[in-house]
Amino acid sequence: MNVADFDFELPDELIAQQPSPERGGSRLMVVDRASGRIEHRHFTELPSLLRSGDLLVVNDTRVFPARLIGVRLPGGGAAECFLVRETDQRDTWIALVHPGQRLHEGSRMLFEGPGTVLNAEIIGRHFHGRRTVRLWTNDGSPVRDAIDRLGHVPLPPYIKRGDEAGDRDRYQTVYARERGSIAAPTAGLHFTPAVLDALRDRGVERVSITLHVGYGTFQPIRVDRVEEHQMEAEHYEVSADTAGALTRALNERRRIIAVGTTTTRTLESLRVADDGTIEAGAGDTAIFIHPGMNSGSSPG
């Protein structure tokens, strides 16, 4: 299948640059899988579309402000460091840097804000402009805290504006818990406490998985054939409680509703024991959901 088969025209004026005034005010398209009939509803109507006994699975990852904007040392020219993922070595990250052609091994950057100074040194170069970057603070305070104070929310590339203070809240699900994503699991952004309460009152069970969204959500497709695209692996964790709820729902032939592609990719990556029990655990998934993929496949 050709990547070009998915091209479509989307006028710029139809791409909202600001969230709706109220979370949950978005429209909802409902497709009847049996008839193909399409309805246009509102997200607040979701509880009426689900039924008692359904199991709703959400991704509780929390976005952190992964874009650091500062200066190069020496010289003071502008520099940006987009933290992609932390390595096994403490305070060392794989990152995209700009301007990449001027930032080689040994290059340093400085990021400053009120009461906070964060230093960075490039200690390795990789493909597609990636670097290994070591971070440290002048006073020895935790690097994570400095990132949270100085960082900017990495908005999707179709949002043509800088991040704003309010984005730290709105670009986060109301049930976000586990810090680690550089992008939000966007399907979950529409849920409000009121919608979650209505789902509970209707008898819909809710459990969480964690998948930390990585750079793959921004990653350009550099191949012509869909099947040749390689997704970046992303880390997921599934608790024993969630695995048990999934097993019970399957055994009782109840519906399992995955919220978004991050949740779907995690569920598709879980191992199933010989007796049909869903196994809890953690791992990395590089599953790429596209037409023709085999449901239930495992990354091995």
Protein backbone atom coordinates (compact mmCIF):
# COMPACT_ATOMS: atom_id res chain seq x y z
CA MET A 1 0.00 0.00 0.00
CA ASN A 2 1.39 3.40 -0.99
CA VAL A 3 1.76 6.19 1.57
CA ALA A 4 0.29 8.51 -1.07
CA ASP A 5 -2.99 6.58 -0.82
CA PHE A 6 -3.57 8.35 2.50
CA ASP A 7 -3.14 11.88 1.13
CA PHE A 8 -6.13 14.19 1.50
CA GLU A 9 -6.74 17.90 1.45
CA LEU A 10 -7.16 19.58 4.82
CA PRO A 11 -7.48 23.39 4.57
CA ASP A 12 -5.43 25.28 7.12
CA GLU A 13 -8.50 27.13 8.37
CA LEU A 14 -9.99 23.82 9.55
CA ILE A 15 -7.03 23.07 11.84
CA ALA A 16 -7.83 24.59 15.22
CA GLN A 17 -4.86 26.41 16.73
CA GLN A 18 -6.44 26.72 20.17
CA PRO A 19 -8.41 24.14 22.17
CA SER A 20 -12.13 24.63 22.55
CA PRO A 21 -13.11 26.85 25.50
CA GLU A 22 -14.31 23.83 27.46
CA ARG A 23 -12.68 20.43 27.56
CA GLY A 24 -15.00 17.83 26.13
CA GLY A 25 -16.76 20.22 23.78
CA SER A 26 -15.54 18.43 20.67
CA ARG A 27 -17.62 16.64 18.09
CA LEU A 28 -17.76 12.85 17.92
CA MET A 29 -18.17 10.76 14.78
CA VAL A 30 -20.01 7.48 15.38
CA VAL A 31 -19.68 4.73 12.78
CA ASP A 32 -21.99 1.71 12.83
CA ARG A 33 -19.69 -1.15 11.86
CA ALA A 34 -22.55 -3.34 10.67
CA SER A 35 -24.28 -0.86 8.39
CA GLY A 36 -21.54 1.69 7.79
CA ARG A 37 -23.92 4.47 8.83
CA ILE A 38 -22.20 7.61 10.15
CA GLU A 39 -23.60 9.91 12.83
CA HIS A 40 -22.24 13.25 13.99
CA ARG A 41 -22.58 13.60 17.76
CA HIS A 42 -20.77 15.36 20.61
CA PHE A 43 -18.22 13.80 22.92
CA THR A 44 -20.39 14.42 25.98
CA GLU A 45 -22.79 11.84 24.51
CA LEU A 46 -20.21 9.04 24.80
CA PRO A 47 -21.78 7.50 27.95
CA SER A 48 -25.05 6.94 26.06
CA LEU A 49 -23.15 5.04 23.35
CA LEU A 50 -21.52 2.55 25.73
CA ARG A 51 -23.27 0.00 27.89
CA SER A 52 -23.02 -1.54 31.32
CA GLY A 53 -20.25 -4.12 31.46
CA ASP A 54 -18.04 -2.47 28.85
CA LEU A 55 -14.38 -2.17 29.86
CA LEU A 56 -12.84 1.20 28.98
CA VAL A 57 -9.03 1.20 28.77
CA VAL A 58 -7.18 4.52 28.93
CA ASN A 59 -3.52 5.55 28.77
CA ASP A 60 -2.52 7.36 31.97
CA THR A 61 0.84 8.66 30.75
CA ARG A 62 1.71 12.26 31.66
CA VAL A 63 3.37 14.68 29.23
CA PHE A 64 6.44 16.55 30.41
CA PRO A 65 7.78 19.80 28.86
CA ALA A 66 10.43 18.24 26.62
CA ARG A 67 11.51 21.30 24.57
CA LEU A 68 14.39 23.28 26.03
CA ILE A 69 15.14 26.65 24.44
CA GLY A 70 18.39 28.44 25.24
CA VAL A 71 21.78 29.43 23.84
CA ARG A 72 24.97 27.80 22.57
CA LEU A 73 28.21 28.13 24.49
CA PRO A 74 30.38 29.93 23.67
CA GLY A 75 28.88 32.60 21.46
CA GLY A 76 25.32 32.82 22.71
CA GLY A 77 23.57 31.81 19.50
CA ALA A 78 20.07 30.36 19.78
CA ALA A 79 19.81 26.64 20.55
CA GLU A 80 17.02 24.16 21.08
CA CYS A 81 17.12 20.68 22.63
CA PHE A 82 14.11 18.39 22.21
CA LEU A 83 14.40 15.55 24.71
CA VAL A 84 13.27 12.30 23.06
CA ARG A 85 13.99 9.66 25.69
CA GLU A 86 16.18 9.15 28.72
CA THR A 87 18.99 6.61 28.49
CA ASP A 88 20.04 4.09 31.13
CA GLN A 89 22.65 6.58 32.29
CA ARG A 90 21.30 9.11 34.77
CA ASP A 91 20.47 12.59 33.37
CA THR A 92 21.57 11.54 29.89
CA TRP A 93 19.10 11.79 27.03
CA ILE A 94 18.68 11.06 23.36
CA ALA A 95 17.63 14.40 21.89
CA LEU A 96 17.10 16.37 18.71
CA VAL A 97 19.09 19.60 18.72
CA HIS A 98 19.02 22.76 16.64
CA PRO A 99 21.05 24.00 14.85
CA GLY A 100 22.31 20.44 14.43
CA GLN A 101 25.06 21.31 11.97
CA ARG A 102 26.75 23.48 14.60
CA LEU A 103 26.31 21.22 17.59
CA HIS A 104 28.92 18.49 17.57
CA GLU A 105 30.37 16.30 20.31
CA GLY A 106 31.67 18.52 23.08
CA SER A 107 29.29 21.40 22.22
CA ARG A 108 27.48 22.93 25.15
CA MET A 109 24.14 24.66 25.63
CA LEU A 110 22.67 26.71 28.45
CA PHE A 111 19.03 26.99 29.47
CA GLU A 112 18.06 29.60 32.05
CA GLY A 113 14.95 30.79 33.86
CA PRO A 114 14.07 32.45 37.18
CA GLY A 115 16.20 30.71 39.80
CA THR A 116 17.07 27.82 37.47
CA VAL A 117 20.12 27.07 35.31
CA LEU A 118 20.39 23.88 33.27
CA ASN A 119 23.54 22.91 31.37
CA ALA A 120 23.83 20.49 28.46
CA GLU A 121 26.77 18.87 26.69
CA ILE A 122 26.59 16.76 23.55
CA ILE A 123 28.47 13.51 24.11
CA GLY A 124 27.37 11.50 21.07
CA ARG A 125 26.05 11.88 17.50
CA HIS A 126 23.52 9.58 15.80
CA PHE A 127 21.41 9.28 12.66
CA HIS A 128 18.67 11.75 11.62
CA GLY A 129 20.14 14.56 13.68
CA ARG A 130 19.95 12.83 17.05
CA ARG A 131 22.45 13.46 19.81
CA THR A 132 23.21 12.01 23.21
CA VAL A 133 23.05 14.91 25.66
CA ARG A 134 24.20 15.07 29.28
CA LEU A 135 22.30 17.48 31.53
CA TRP A 136 23.24 18.98 34.89
CA THR A 137 22.34 21.90 37.15
CA ASN A 138 24.80 24.35 38.69
CA ASP A 139 23.61 23.74 42.23
CA GLY A 140 23.18 19.96 41.99
CA SER A 141 19.38 20.15 42.23
CA PRO A 142 17.41 17.46 40.36
CA VAL A 143 17.59 17.78 36.59
CA ARG A 144 13.98 16.62 36.30
CA ASP A 145 12.78 19.60 38.34
CA ALA A 146 14.80 21.99 36.15
CA ILE A 147 13.27 20.48 33.00
CA ASP A 148 9.79 20.93 34.43
CA ARG A 149 10.47 24.60 35.23
CA LEU A 150 12.26 25.54 31.99
CA GLY A 151 10.75 23.23 29.41
CA HIS A 152 8.12 23.99 26.79
CA VAL A 153 5.22 21.73 25.83
CA PRO A 154 6.05 20.07 22.46
CA LEU A 155 2.85 20.81 20.55
CA PRO A 156 2.06 18.82 17.38
CA PRO A 157 3.61 20.19 14.16
CA TYR A 158 0.20 21.19 12.78
CA ILE A 159 -0.18 23.70 15.63
CA LYS A 160 1.51 26.79 14.19
CA ARG A 161 2.02 28.75 17.39
CA GLY A 162 4.27 28.72 20.39
CA ASP A 163 3.21 26.93 23.53
CA GLU A 164 1.36 28.89 26.20
CA ALA A 165 1.05 28.50 29.96
CA GLY A 166 -2.41 26.95 29.61
CA ASP A 167 -1.10 24.19 27.37
CA ARG A 168 0.50 22.48 30.35
CA ASP A 169 -2.98 21.64 31.57
CA ARG A 170 -5.00 21.33 28.35
CA TYR A 171 -2.39 19.16 26.58
CA GLN A 172 -2.81 16.60 29.36
CA THR A 173 -5.58 14.10 30.06
CA VAL A 174 -7.54 14.55 33.28
CA TYR A 175 -6.38 11.08 34.39
CA ALA A 176 -2.68 11.57 33.53
CA ARG A 177 -0.49 10.05 36.23
CA GLU A 178 2.81 8.54 35.02
CA ARG A 179 5.31 11.15 33.75
CA GLY A 180 7.16 10.18 30.60
CA SER A 181 5.53 11.27 27.31
CA ILE A 182 6.71 13.94 24.90
CA ALA A 183 3.25 14.08 23.32
CA ALA A 184 -0.25 13.56 24.64
CA PRO A 185 -2.38 10.50 23.89
CA THR A 186 -4.76 12.85 22.11
CA ALA A 187 -7.88 10.66 22.02
CA GLY A 188 -8.05 10.95 25.81
CA LEU A 189 -7.89 14.75 25.89
CA HIS A 190 -11.67 15.02 25.47
CA PHE A 191 -12.61 13.22 28.69
CA THR A 192 -13.83 15.34 31.59
CA PRO A 193 -14.52 14.31 35.19
CA ALA A 194 -18.24 14.63 34.40
CA VAL A 195 -18.00 12.22 31.45
CA LEU A 196 -15.97 9.76 33.52
CA ASP A 197 -18.56 9.94 36.31
CA ALA A 198 -21.39 9.34 33.82
CA LEU A 199 -19.57 6.30 32.42
CA ARG A 200 -19.12 4.91 35.93
CA ASP A 201 -22.79 5.47 36.75
CA ARG A 202 -23.74 3.64 33.56
CA GLY A 203 -21.76 0.59 34.72
CA VAL A 204 -18.74 1.05 32.45
CA GLU A 205 -15.58 -0.26 34.09
CA ARG A 206 -12.35 1.73 33.59
CA VAL A 207 -8.73 0.58 33.85
CA SER A 208 -5.42 2.14 32.84
CA ILE A 209 -2.33 1.12 30.95
CA THR A 210 0.77 3.29 30.56
CA LEU A 211 2.47 3.88 27.24
CA HIS A 212 4.91 6.76 27.06
CA VAL A 213 4.42 8.48 23.73
CA GLY A 214 7.74 9.06 21.98
CA TYR A 215 9.09 10.86 18.94
CA GLY A 216 7.32 8.42 16.62
CA THR A 217 4.20 10.57 16.90
CA PHE A 218 6.11 13.40 15.14
CA GLN A 219 8.36 11.18 13.03
CA PRO A 220 8.13 11.76 9.26
CA ILE A 221 7.48 8.75 7.03
CA ARG A 222 10.47 8.46 4.70
CA VAL A 223 9.33 5.48 2.62
CA ASP A 224 6.86 5.12 -0.26
CA ARG A 225 5.27 1.88 0.92
CA VAL A 226 3.31 1.86 4.19
CA GLU A 227 4.53 -1.62 5.13
CA GLU A 228 8.17 -0.47 5.04
CA HIS A 229 7.75 2.20 7.69
CA GLN A 230 9.40 1.36 11.01
CA MET A 231 7.76 2.68 14.15
CA GLU A 232 9.91 3.78 17.05
CA ALA A 233 9.61 1.50 20.03
CA GLU A 234 7.71 2.97 22.96
CA HIS A 235 7.73 1.73 26.55
CA TYR A 236 4.53 0.40 28.11
CA GLU A 237 3.48 -1.01 31.48
CA VAL A 238 0.38 -3.00 32.38
CA SER A 239 -0.45 -3.73 36.01
CA ALA A 240 -1.74 -7.01 37.40
CA ASP A 241 -5.10 -5.34 38.17
CA THR A 242 -5.50 -4.18 34.57
CA ALA A 243 -4.42 -7.54 33.17
CA GLY A 244 -6.96 -9.25 35.44
CA ALA A 245 -9.76 -6.94 34.32
CA LEU A 246 -8.90 -7.59 30.67
CA THR A 247 -8.91 -11.35 31.25
CA ARG A 248 -12.28 -11.25 32.98
CA ALA A 249 -13.79 -9.12 30.20
CA LEU A 250 -12.56 -11.53 27.55
CA ASN A 251 -13.82 -14.58 29.46
CA GLU A 252 -17.21 -12.94 29.95
CA ARG A 253 -17.32 -11.78 26.31
CA ARG A 254 -17.71 -8.16 27.32
CA ARG A 255 -16.61 -5.35 25.06
CA ILE A 256 -13.15 -3.82 25.57
CA ILE A 257 -13.02 -0.18 24.44
CA ALA A 258 -9.48 1.11 23.78
CA VAL A 259 -9.12 4.90 23.97
CA GLY A 260 -6.81 5.87 21.13
CA THR A 261 -4.00 4.25 19.21
CA THR A 262 -1.52 4.27 22.11
CA THR A 263 -3.86 2.11 24.17
CA THR A 264 -4.62 -0.11 21.17
CA ARG A 265 -0.94 -0.66 20.45
CA THR A 266 -0.34 -1.64 24.06
CA LEU A 267 -3.23 -4.10 24.12
CA GLU A 268 -2.06 -5.64 20.84
CA SER A 269 1.40 -6.11 22.39
CA LEU A 270 0.33 -8.03 25.50
CA ARG A 271 1.14 -11.68 25.88
CA VAL A 272 -1.61 -14.21 26.39
CA ALA A 273 -0.92 -17.37 28.39
CA ASP A 274 -2.02 -20.79 27.13
CA ASP A 275 -5.07 -20.65 29.40
CA GLY A 276 -6.17 -17.33 27.92
CA THR A 277 -4.94 -15.18 30.80
CA ILE A 278 -3.61 -11.74 29.86
CA GLU A 279 -0.14 -11.33 31.32
CA ALA A 280 0.84 -8.19 33.22
CA GLY A 281 4.25 -6.65 32.71
CA ALA A 282 6.33 -4.04 30.93
CA GLY A 283 8.03 -3.89 27.58
CA ASP A 284 8.56 -1.94 24.40
CA THR A 285 6.26 -2.03 21.41
CA ALA A 286 6.96 -1.04 17.82
CA ILE A 287 3.63 -2.26 16.47
CA PHE A 288 2.51 -0.21 13.48
CA ILE A 289 -1.28 -0.21 13.02
CA HIS A 290 -2.14 -0.04 9.34
CA PRO A 291 -4.54 -1.77 6.92
CA GLY A 292 -3.67 -5.45 6.67
CA MET A 293 -1.90 -5.89 10.02
CA ASN A 294 -2.73 -9.07 11.94
CA SER A 295 -4.69 -8.37 15.14
CA GLY A 296 -3.21 -9.89 18.25
CA SER A 297 0.33 -10.03 16.93
CA SER A 298 3.12 -9.73 19.45
CA PRO A 299 6.44 -7.92 19.08
CA GLY A 300 8.20 -11.01 20.45
